[in-house]
C-alpha atoms as a PDB file:
ATOM      1  CA  MET A   1     -44.558  49.043  70.007  1.00  0.00           C
ATOM      2  CA  SER A   2     -41.792  46.304  69.426  1.00  0.00           C
ATOM      3  CA  ASP A   3     -42.287  45.805  66.140  1.00  0.00           C
ATOM      4  CA  PRO A   4     -39.030  46.066  63.423  1.00  0.00           C
ATOM      5  CA  ASP A   5     -41.035  48.817  61.727  1.00  0.00           C
ATOM      6  CA  THR A   6     -39.747  52.327  62.306  1.00  0.00           C
ATOM      7  CA  ARG A   7     -43.168  53.190  61.344  1.00  0.00           C
ATOM      8  CA  VAL A   8     -44.984  50.625  62.457  1.00  0.00           C
ATOM      9  CA  ARG A   9     -43.456  51.846  66.323  1.00  0.00           C
ATOM     10  CA  ARG A  10     -43.951  56.008  65.614  1.00  0.00           C
ATOM     11  CA  ALA A  11     -47.680  55.208  65.315  1.00  0.00           C
ATOM     12  CA  SER A  12     -48.200  53.711  67.897  1.00  0.00           C
ATOM     13  CA  CYS A  13     -46.288  55.755  70.300  1.00  0.00           C
ATOM     14  CA  MET A  14     -48.991  58.577  67.642  1.00  0.00           C
ATOM     15  CA  ALA A  15     -51.883  56.093  69.354  1.00  0.00           C
ATOM     16  CA  LEU A  16     -50.372  55.895  72.209  1.00  0.00           C
ATOM     17  CA  GLY A  17     -50.375  59.975  72.822  1.00  0.00           C
ATOM     18  CA  CYS A  18     -53.690  60.373  71.885  1.00  0.00           C
ATOM     19  CA  ILE A  19     -55.078  57.737  74.211  1.00  0.00           C
ATOM     20  CA  ALA A  20     -53.497  58.533  77.111  1.00  0.00           C
ATOM     21  CA  ASP A  21     -54.189  62.156  76.656  1.00  0.00           C
ATOM     22  CA  GLU A  22     -57.845  61.841  77.219  1.00  0.00           C
ATOM     23  CA  LEU A  23     -58.093  58.720  79.822  1.00  0.00           C
ATOM     24  CA  ASP A  24     -54.976  59.105  81.286  1.00  0.00           C
ATOM     25  CA  ASP A  25     -55.524  57.291  84.421  1.00  0.00           C
ATOM     26  CA  GLU A  26     -56.832  53.652  82.343  1.00  0.00           C
ATOM     27  CA  VAL A  27     -53.977  54.155  80.057  1.00  0.00           C
ATOM     28  CA  ALA A  28     -51.123  54.489  84.089  1.00  0.00           C
ATOM     29  CA  SER A  29     -52.823  52.356  85.450  1.00  0.00           C
ATOM     30  CA  HIS A  30     -50.605  50.056  82.680  1.00  0.00           C
ATOM     31  CA  HIS A  31     -47.432  50.813  83.571  1.00  0.00           C
ATOM     32  CA  GLU A  32     -45.371  47.939  84.143  1.00  0.00           C
ATOM     33  CA  LYS A  33     -46.168  46.925  80.835  1.00  0.00           C
ATOM     34  CA  LEU A  34     -45.449  50.445  79.027  1.00  0.00           C
ATOM     35  CA  MET A  35     -42.741  52.261  81.105  1.00  0.00           C
ATOM     36  CA  PRO A  36     -40.100  49.466  79.381  1.00  0.00           C
ATOM     37  CA  LEU A  37     -41.464  50.125  75.754  1.00  0.00           C
ATOM     38  CA  ILE A  38     -41.280  52.994  75.795  1.00  0.00           C
ATOM     39  CA  PHE A  39     -37.467  53.569  77.948  1.00  0.00           C
ATOM     40  CA  ASN A  40     -36.486  51.690  74.897  1.00  0.00           C
ATOM     41  CA  LEU A  41     -38.242  53.769  72.617  1.00  0.00           C
ATOM     42  CA  MET A  42     -36.096  56.430  74.634  1.00  0.00           C
ATOM     43  CA  SER A  43     -33.660  55.053  72.402  1.00  0.00           C
ATOM     44  CA  ASP A  44     -34.837  54.430  69.239  1.00  0.00           C
ATOM     45  CA  SER A  45     -32.499  55.690  65.790  1.00  0.00           C
ATOM     46  CA  ASN A  46     -36.549  57.381  64.607  1.00  0.00           C
ATOM     47  CA  GLN A  47     -36.404  60.673  66.162  1.00  0.00           C
ATOM     48  CA  ALA A  48     -39.453  61.041  65.146  1.00  0.00           C
ATOM     49  CA  THR A  49     -40.955  57.663  67.235  1.00  0.00           C
ATOM     50  CA  VAL A  50     -38.024  58.853  69.790  1.00  0.00           C
ATOM     51  CA  LYS A  51     -40.597  62.247  69.741  1.00  0.00           C
ATOM     52  CA  TYR A  52     -44.155  60.925  69.729  1.00  0.00           C
ATOM     53  CA  ALA A  53     -42.219  57.836  73.067  1.00  0.00           C
ATOM     54  CA  LEU A  54     -42.191  61.576  74.606  1.00  0.00           C
ATOM     55  CA  ASN A  55     -45.325  62.834  74.041  1.00  0.00           C
ATOM     56  CA  ALA A  56     -46.732  59.882  75.292  1.00  0.00           C
ATOM     57  CA  LEU A  57     -44.940  59.481  78.287  1.00  0.00           C
ATOM     58  CA  ASP A  58     -45.546  63.447  79.527  1.00  0.00           C
ATOM     59  CA  CYS A  59     -49.370  62.231  79.265  1.00  0.00           C
ATOM     60  CA  ILE A  60     -48.372  59.140  81.660  1.00  0.00           C
ATOM     61  CA  LEU A  61     -46.591  61.034  84.539  1.00  0.00           C
ATOM     62  CA  GLU A  62     -48.510  62.929  86.507  1.00  0.00           C
ATOM     63  CA  SER A  63     -51.133  59.758  87.013  1.00  0.00           C
ATOM     64  CA  LEU A  64     -48.746  57.405  87.927  1.00  0.00           C
ATOM     65  CA  GLY A  65     -49.308  58.919  91.679  1.00  0.00           C
ATOM     66  CA  ASP A  66     -46.399  56.785  93.933  1.00  0.00           C
ATOM     67  CA  ASN A  67     -45.816  54.129  90.888  1.00  0.00           C
ATOM     68  CA  ILE A  68     -43.164  56.764  89.249  1.00  0.00           C
ATOM     69  CA  ALA A  69     -40.169  56.375  92.111  1.00  0.00           C
ATOM     70  CA  ARG A  70     -39.605  52.952  90.510  1.00  0.00           C
ATOM     71  CA  TYR A  71     -38.987  54.524  87.382  1.00  0.00           C
ATOM     72  CA  LEU A  72     -37.041  57.913  88.512  1.00  0.00           C
ATOM     73  CA  PRO A  73     -33.549  57.097  87.949  1.00  0.00           C
ATOM     74  CA  GLN A  74     -33.394  55.595  85.280  1.00  0.00           C
ATOM     75  CA  LEU A  75     -36.207  58.038  83.664  1.00  0.00           C
ATOM     76  CA  MET A  76     -34.123  60.854  84.328  1.00  0.00           C
ATOM     77  CA  GLU A  77     -30.897  59.738  82.735  1.00  0.00           C
ATOM     78  CA  ARG A  78     -32.595  58.977  80.152  1.00  0.00           C
ATOM     79  CA  LEU A  79     -34.573  62.127  79.998  1.00  0.00           C
ATOM     80  CA  VAL A  80     -31.418  64.591  80.464  1.00  0.00           C
ATOM     81  CA  ILE A  81     -29.608  62.435  78.064  1.00  0.00           C
ATOM     82  CA  LEU A  82     -31.428  63.666  75.789  1.00  0.00           C
ATOM     83  CA  LEU A  83     -31.618  66.556  77.017  1.00  0.00           C
ATOM     84  CA  ASP A  84     -28.296  67.431  76.465  1.00  0.00           C
ATOM     85  CA  THR A  85     -27.877  65.613  72.583  1.00  0.00           C
ATOM     86  CA  GLY A  86     -31.269  64.537  71.587  1.00  0.00           C
ATOM     87  CA  ALA A  87     -32.812  66.802  68.426  1.00  0.00           C
ATOM     88  CA  MET A  88     -34.330  69.930  68.831  1.00  0.00           C
ATOM     89  CA  ASP A  89     -37.421  69.543  68.243  1.00  0.00           C
ATOM     90  CA  VAL A  90     -36.940  66.664  71.039  1.00  0.00           C
ATOM     91  CA  LYS A  91     -35.923  68.686  73.987  1.00  0.00           C
ATOM     92  CA  PRO A  92     -38.351  70.975  74.309  1.00  0.00           C
ATOM     93  CA  ILE A  93     -40.567  67.521  74.805  1.00  0.00           C
ATOM     94  CA  ALA A  94     -37.679  65.878  76.772  1.00  0.00           C
ATOM     95  CA  LEU A  95     -37.768  68.935  79.293  1.00  0.00           C
ATOM     96  CA  SER A  96     -41.281  68.795  79.381  1.00  0.00           C
ATOM     97  CA  ALA A  97     -41.439  65.042  81.228  1.00  0.00           C
ATOM     98  CA  ILE A  98     -38.611  66.290  83.139  1.00  0.00           C
ATOM     99  CA  GLY A  99     -41.322  68.868  84.467  1.00  0.00           C
ATOM    100  CA  SER A 100     -44.184  66.452  85.229  1.00  0.00           C
ATOM    101  CA  ALA A 101     -41.927  63.527  86.431  1.00  0.00           C
ATOM    102  CA  ALA A 102     -40.929  66.892  89.257  1.00  0.00           C
ATOM    103  CA  HIS A 103     -45.034  67.523  89.579  1.00  0.00           C
ATOM    104  CA  SER A 104     -45.316  63.762  90.197  1.00  0.00           C
ATOM    105  CA  SER A 105     -42.789  63.152  92.321  1.00  0.00           C
ATOM    106  CA  GLY A 106     -42.517  65.448  94.935  1.00  0.00           C
ATOM    107  CA  GLU A 107     -40.303  65.295  97.796  1.00  0.00           C
ATOM    108  CA  GLY A 108     -38.283  61.922  95.253  1.00  0.00           C
ATOM    109  CA  PHE A 109     -37.066  64.633  92.597  1.00  0.00           C
ATOM    110  CA  ALA A 110     -34.970  66.058  95.211  1.00  0.00           C
ATOM    111  CA  PRO A 111     -31.558  64.607  93.939  1.00  0.00           C
ATOM    112  CA  TYR A 112     -31.986  65.652  90.038  1.00  0.00           C
ATOM    113  CA  PHE A 113     -32.634  69.144  91.726  1.00  0.00           C
ATOM    114  CA  GLY A 114     -29.101  70.049  90.897  1.00  0.00           C
ATOM    115  CA  GLU A 115     -28.219  68.901  88.049  1.00  0.00           C
ATOM    116  CA  VAL A 116     -32.307  69.846  86.553  1.00  0.00           C
ATOM    117  CA  ILE A 117     -32.315  73.221  86.919  1.00  0.00           C
ATOM    118  CA  ALA A 118     -28.512  73.798  85.551  1.00  0.00           C
ATOM    119  CA  ARG A 119     -30.113  73.287  82.567  1.00  0.00           C
ATOM    120  CA  ILE A 120     -32.767  75.010  82.668  1.00  0.00           C
ATOM    121  CA  LYS A 121     -31.308  78.454  83.949  1.00  0.00           C
ATOM    122  CA  ARG A 122     -28.994  77.526  80.190  1.00  0.00           C
ATOM    123  CA  ALA A 123     -32.133  76.705  78.459  1.00  0.00           C
ATOM    124  CA  MET A 124     -34.080  80.169  79.999  1.00  0.00           C
ATOM    125  CA  ALA A 125     -31.229  82.010  78.141  1.00  0.00           C
ATOM    126  CA  LEU A 126     -31.421  80.715  74.697  1.00  0.00           C
ATOM    127  CA  THR A 127     -32.131  82.846  71.763  1.00  0.00           C
ATOM    128  CA  GLY A 128     -32.204  82.991  68.313  1.00  0.00           C
ATOM    129  CA  ASP A 129     -34.779  80.394  66.212  1.00  0.00           C
ATOM    130  CA  ASP A 130     -38.085  80.120  66.948  1.00  0.00           C
ATOM    131  CA  ASP A 131     -36.881  76.301  67.687  1.00  0.00           C
ATOM    132  CA  THR A 132     -34.350  77.246  70.243  1.00  0.00           C
ATOM    133  CA  LEU A 133     -37.144  79.804  71.806  1.00  0.00           C
ATOM    134  CA  ALA A 134     -39.981  76.418  72.507  1.00  0.00           C
ATOM    135  CA  LEU A 135     -37.212  75.115  74.238  1.00  0.00           C
ATOM    136  CA  ARG A 136     -36.977  79.200  76.435  1.00  0.00           C
ATOM    137  CA  GLY A 137     -40.345  78.715  76.468  1.00  0.00           C
ATOM    138  CA  VAL A 138     -40.695  75.308  77.645  1.00  0.00           C
ATOM    139  CA  ALA A 139     -37.518  75.742  80.151  1.00  0.00           C
ATOM    140  CA  THR A 140     -39.349  78.880  81.467  1.00  0.00           C
ATOM    141  CA  ASP A 141     -42.305  76.887  82.245  1.00  0.00           C
ATOM    142  CA  THR A 142     -40.639  74.149  83.755  1.00  0.00           C
ATOM    143  CA  ALA A 143     -38.729  75.848  86.693  1.00  0.00           C
ATOM    144  CA  GLY A 144     -42.211  76.355  87.611  1.00  0.00           C
ATOM    145  CA  ALA A 145     -42.849  72.646  87.995  1.00  0.00           C
ATOM    146  CA  ILE A 146     -39.731  72.268  89.852  1.00  0.00           C
ATOM    147  CA  ALA A 147     -40.040  75.350  91.994  1.00  0.00           C
ATOM    148  CA  GLU A 148     -43.305  73.555  93.046  1.00  0.00           C
ATOM    149  CA  ALA A 149     -41.444  69.826  93.660  1.00  0.00           C
ATOM    150  CA  ALA A 150     -38.699  71.214  95.048  1.00  0.00           C
ATOM    151  CA  GLY A 151     -39.929  73.958  97.503  1.00  0.00           C
ATOM    152  CA  ARG A 152     -39.276  78.144  98.459  1.00  0.00           C
ATOM    153  CA  GLU A 153     -36.223  77.355 100.371  1.00  0.00           C
ATOM    154  CA  ALA A 154     -34.777  74.652  98.229  1.00  0.00           C
ATOM    155  CA  PHE A 155     -35.548  77.285  94.356  1.00  0.00           C
ATOM    156  CA  ARG A 156     -34.825  80.374  96.480  1.00  0.00           C
ATOM    157  CA  PRO A 157     -31.538  80.826  95.242  1.00  0.00           C
ATOM    158  CA  HIS A 158     -32.816  80.510  92.349  1.00  0.00           C
ATOM    159  CA  LEU A 159     -35.514  82.933  92.510  1.00  0.00           C
ATOM    160  CA  GLU A 160     -34.212  85.559  91.140  1.00  0.00           C
ATOM    161  CA  GLU A 161     -31.662  84.496  87.762  1.00  0.00           C
ATOM    162  CA  THR A 162     -34.832  82.943  86.535  1.00  0.00           C
ATOM    163  CA  MET A 163     -37.667  85.478  87.456  1.00  0.00           C
ATOM    164  CA  ARG A 164     -34.664  88.511  85.273  1.00  0.00           C
ATOM    165  CA  LEU A 165     -34.630  85.634  82.835  1.00  0.00           C
ATOM    166  CA  ALA A 166     -37.698  85.204  82.493  1.00  0.00           C
ATOM    167  CA  LEU A 167     -38.487  88.885  82.421  1.00  0.00           C
ATOM    168  CA  GLU A 168     -35.554  89.185  79.573  1.00  0.00           C
ATOM    169  CA  GLY A 169     -38.073  86.479  78.532  1.00  0.00           C
ATOM    170  CA  MET A 170     -40.769  88.969  78.362  1.00  0.00           C
ATOM    171  CA  ASP A 171     -39.578  91.714  75.861  1.00  0.00           C
ATOM    172  CA  ILE A 172     -39.331  88.561  73.263  1.00  0.00           C
ATOM    173  CA  SER A 173     -41.558  89.003  70.129  1.00  0.00           C
ATOM    174  CA  SER A 174     -43.577  85.883  71.061  1.00  0.00           C
ATOM    175  CA  SER A 175     -46.798  85.213  72.218  1.00  0.00           C
ATOM    176  CA  GLY A 176     -45.875  81.342  73.681  1.00  0.00           C
ATOM    177  CA  MET A 177     -42.908  83.305  75.395  1.00  0.00           C
ATOM    178  CA  ARG A 178     -45.759  85.765  77.238  1.00  0.00           C
ATOM    179  CA  GLU A 179     -47.733  82.638  78.108  1.00  0.00           C
ATOM    180  CA  SER A 180     -44.879  80.523  79.113  1.00  0.00           C
ATOM    181  CA  GLY A 181     -43.492  83.782  81.791  1.00  0.00           C
ATOM    182  CA  TYR A 182     -47.775  84.420  82.688  1.00  0.00           C
ATOM    183  CA  CYS A 183     -47.284  80.636  84.063  1.00  0.00           C
ATOM    184  CA  TYR A 184     -44.568  80.881  85.305  1.00  0.00           C
ATOM    185  CA  PHE A 185     -45.038  83.866  87.898  1.00  0.00           C
ATOM    186  CA  GLY A 186     -48.637  82.662  88.995  1.00  0.00           C
ATOM    187  CA  VAL A 187     -46.410  79.598  90.058  1.00  0.00           C
ATOM    188  CA  MET A 188     -43.861  81.030  91.189  1.00  0.00           C
ATOM    189  CA  SER A 189     -46.848  83.060  92.988  1.00  0.00           C
ATOM    190  CA  ARG A 190     -48.365  80.503  94.860  1.00  0.00           C
ATOM    191  CA  VAL A 191     -44.516  78.944  95.983  1.00  0.00           C
ATOM    192  CA  PHE A 192     -43.613  82.048  97.761  1.00  0.00           C
ATOM    193  CA  GLU A 193     -46.587  83.788  98.527  1.00  0.00           C
ATOM    194  CA  ALA A 194     -46.418  87.024 100.406  1.00  0.00           C
ATOM    195  CA  GLU A 195     -41.924  86.758  99.519  1.00  0.00           C
ATOM    196  CA  PHE A 196     -43.374  87.343  95.500  1.00  0.00           C
ATOM    197  CA  SER A 197     -45.037  90.984  95.920  1.00  0.00           C
ATOM    198  CA  GLN A 198     -41.067  92.811  95.421  1.00  0.00           C
ATOM    199  CA  TYR A 199     -42.044  91.464  91.611  1.00  0.00           C
ATOM    200  CA  ILE A 200     -45.516  92.407  90.843  1.00  0.00           C
ATOM    201  CA  GLY A 201     -43.662  96.220  89.793  1.00  0.00           C
ATOM    202  CA  TYR A 202     -42.251  94.340  87.076  1.00  0.00           C
ATOM    203  CA  ILE A 203     -45.318  92.065  85.992  1.00  0.00           C
ATOM    204  CA  ALA A 204     -47.718  94.431  86.335  1.00  0.00           C
ATOM    205  CA  PRO A 205     -47.061  96.449  83.304  1.00  0.00           C
ATOM    206  CA  HIS A 206     -46.076  93.484  80.998  1.00  0.00           C
ATOM    207  CA  LEU A 207     -50.040  91.577  82.383  1.00  0.00           C
ATOM    208  CA  LEU A 208     -50.955  94.434  81.356  1.00  0.00           C
ATOM    209  CA  ASP A 209     -50.092  95.184  78.263  1.00  0.00           C
ATOM    210  CA  THR A 210     -50.918  91.868  76.626  1.00  0.00           C
ATOM    211  CA  LEU A 211     -54.243  92.992  78.199  1.00  0.00           C
END
């Protein structure tokens, strides 16, 4: 992962991602060696290497447990930069990793909630080509992960707007958008419980239409 040849770095990230996808706990146990290498590759000049490094990172994050706390400040700084300035095919993976970090860190994610939810809402309103819609779909999915991490009281001021954006996504001719929307609705129903019932009349027709 620190080889001078770009091809070797990229292939190493691909291999790590494949192994972490199957053996996430075992790979995460080597976090002290792997995380500094991944951080370095998140700034790699080759965008494909960055993408594969993020894929590997996303597989590892949710298995870090309490160990994520030591990495969270540097991790969030780099992920937000990639979300703001990265290549279009890198941004969805960076956002997905932010969702994994939120899920893993729970209440520890609170300092980053404000800057992340603002970016998520902007991404949930995007329209355009397939790459743009892919980012919108991941943003919709990640909104649910952020809500679970932050809790209902912190997320309540953002519920109405994110619900509106997710429902608008249902009207886009994209199975990926529908899938992301349904994941979001499912998480919101768990976070807000009975309070979520006000939205059932809007969601049920979409569910039945898809079935």
